[in-house]
């Protein structure tokens, strides 16, 4: 009787469920290989989400759970957003003058051209 070579791994029997590719990928890669997620938290007193930080996670659900544990420890949050950092597109700080220049030639957007009626107190 021969013994199998120690590096030989027999194939699973037919009909054996195979692990999902995301679970398999998470098992073979480490946290440094996971995608970076940006975390936004809406506080109890806030009306909008604000950027709280970043974290690495293998998928969106794990990123959401980790964000909850990291950024809302004292129950200060009521809502979380996690966004893959690769999906965020931002303007360049170096191009701020040329990028925002078109807004400068629209003075009608400033309230200096409007007269406030006497009966209006809180505008």
Protein backbone atom coordinates (compact mmCIF):
# COMPACT_ATOMS: atom_id res chain seq x y z
CA UNK A 1 0.00 0.00 0.00
CA UNK A 2 1.34 3.42 -0.96
CA UNK A 3 0.79 6.58 0.99
CA UNK A 4 -0.12 9.79 -0.80
CA UNK A 5 2.52 12.45 -1.19
CA UNK A 6 2.19 15.02 1.67
CA UNK A 7 1.57 17.90 -0.77
CA UNK A 8 -1.14 16.02 -2.65
CA UNK A 9 -4.64 17.25 -1.85
CA UNK A 10 -7.40 14.96 -3.14
CA UNK A 11 -10.26 16.55 -5.05
CA UNK A 12 -13.54 16.81 -3.12
CA UNK A 13 -16.21 14.25 -3.98
CA UNK A 14 -18.72 15.20 -6.66
CA UNK A 15 -21.63 17.23 -5.30
CA UNK A 16 -19.60 18.77 -2.47
CA UNK A 17 -20.48 22.48 -2.16
CA UNK A 18 -17.54 24.71 -2.96
CA UNK A 19 -16.79 27.84 -0.91
CA UNK A 20 -17.78 31.12 -2.51
CA UNK A 21 -15.11 33.07 -4.33
CA UNK A 22 -15.38 36.03 -1.93
CA UNK A 23 -14.99 33.80 1.13
CA UNK A 24 -12.13 31.99 -0.54
CA UNK A 25 -10.48 35.29 -1.53
CA UNK A 26 -10.84 36.64 2.01
CA UNK A 27 -9.26 33.48 3.40
CA UNK A 28 -6.26 33.65 1.06
CA UNK A 29 -5.59 37.37 1.34
CA UNK A 30 -4.70 39.40 4.38
CA UNK A 31 -6.03 42.72 5.66
CA UNK A 32 -3.32 44.61 3.76
CA UNK A 33 -4.75 43.25 0.49
CA UNK A 34 -8.35 44.17 1.29
CA UNK A 35 -9.84 47.26 -0.35
CA UNK A 36 -9.87 50.57 1.49
CA UNK A 37 -13.30 51.89 2.56
CA UNK A 38 -14.17 55.46 3.56
CA UNK A 39 -16.56 55.74 6.51
CA UNK A 40 -19.18 58.46 6.95
CA UNK A 41 -21.19 58.77 10.18
CA UNK A 42 -24.34 60.75 10.94
CA UNK A 43 -24.42 61.66 14.60
CA UNK A 44 -27.53 61.84 16.75
CA UNK A 45 -27.53 65.61 16.61
CA UNK A 46 -26.32 65.93 13.04
CA UNK A 47 -28.29 66.36 9.86
CA UNK A 48 -25.64 65.09 7.47
CA UNK A 49 -23.01 62.40 7.31
CA UNK A 50 -19.41 63.46 7.97
CA UNK A 51 -16.22 61.64 7.11
CA UNK A 52 -15.02 59.70 10.15
CA UNK A 53 -12.08 57.78 8.74
CA UNK A 54 -11.00 54.80 6.67
CA UNK A 55 -10.64 51.06 7.15
CA UNK A 56 -9.75 47.91 5.22
CA UNK A 57 -12.35 45.16 4.79
CA UNK A 58 -12.93 42.32 2.32
CA UNK A 59 -16.51 43.36 1.45
CA UNK A 60 -19.18 45.99 2.12
CA UNK A 61 -20.94 44.10 4.93
CA UNK A 62 -17.72 43.55 6.86
CA UNK A 63 -16.77 47.20 6.27
CA UNK A 64 -20.12 48.27 7.72
CA UNK A 65 -19.70 46.08 10.80
CA UNK A 66 -16.12 47.21 11.37
CA UNK A 67 -17.12 50.85 10.90
CA UNK A 68 -19.84 50.42 13.53
CA UNK A 69 -17.33 48.96 15.97
CA UNK A 70 -14.63 51.55 15.28
CA UNK A 71 -16.52 54.81 14.82
CA UNK A 72 -19.72 54.48 16.89
CA UNK A 73 -18.48 52.95 20.14
CA UNK A 74 -20.41 55.30 22.40
CA UNK A 75 -23.70 55.12 20.49
CA UNK A 76 -23.15 58.54 18.98
CA UNK A 77 -24.07 57.47 15.45
CA UNK A 78 -27.48 56.80 13.94
CA UNK A 79 -26.40 56.05 10.37
CA UNK A 80 -23.27 54.79 8.61
CA UNK A 81 -22.10 54.91 5.01
CA UNK A 82 -19.14 52.89 3.77
CA UNK A 83 -17.82 53.68 0.30
CA UNK A 84 -14.95 52.02 -1.55
CA UNK A 85 -12.25 54.67 -1.76
CA UNK A 86 -11.70 53.77 -5.42
CA UNK A 87 -15.25 54.99 -6.16
CA UNK A 88 -14.66 58.50 -4.84
CA UNK A 89 -13.76 61.16 -7.37
CA UNK A 90 -12.54 64.49 -6.04
CA UNK A 91 -11.38 67.77 -7.47
CA UNK A 92 -7.69 68.54 -7.23
CA UNK A 93 -6.61 71.17 -4.68
CA UNK A 94 -3.99 72.34 -7.18
CA UNK A 95 -6.72 73.23 -9.70
CA UNK A 96 -9.06 74.99 -7.28
CA UNK A 97 -8.76 78.41 -8.96
CA UNK A 98 -9.59 77.20 -12.47
CA UNK A 99 -12.12 74.59 -11.33
CA UNK A 100 -14.23 77.00 -9.24
CA UNK A 101 -13.71 80.06 -11.45
CA UNK A 102 -17.07 79.76 -13.29
CA UNK A 103 -18.92 80.46 -10.02
CA UNK A 104 -17.15 83.82 -9.71
CA UNK A 105 -18.92 85.37 -12.72
CA UNK A 106 -22.41 84.71 -11.33
CA UNK A 107 -22.87 87.61 -8.90
CA UNK A 108 -26.65 87.16 -8.97
CA UNK A 109 -26.15 84.19 -6.65
CA UNK A 110 -25.09 86.52 -3.86
CA UNK A 111 -27.84 88.26 -1.89
CA UNK A 112 -26.40 91.75 -2.50
CA UNK A 113 -28.81 92.33 -5.42
CA UNK A 114 -31.97 91.66 -3.46
CA UNK A 115 -33.83 93.96 -1.14
CA UNK A 116 -35.31 92.32 1.92
CA UNK A 117 -38.89 93.39 2.57
CA UNK A 118 -39.55 95.08 5.91
CA UNK A 119 -41.89 92.35 7.16
CA UNK A 120 -39.31 89.60 6.76
CA UNK A 121 -37.23 89.12 9.89
CA UNK A 122 -35.56 85.72 9.46
CA UNK A 123 -34.21 85.18 6.00
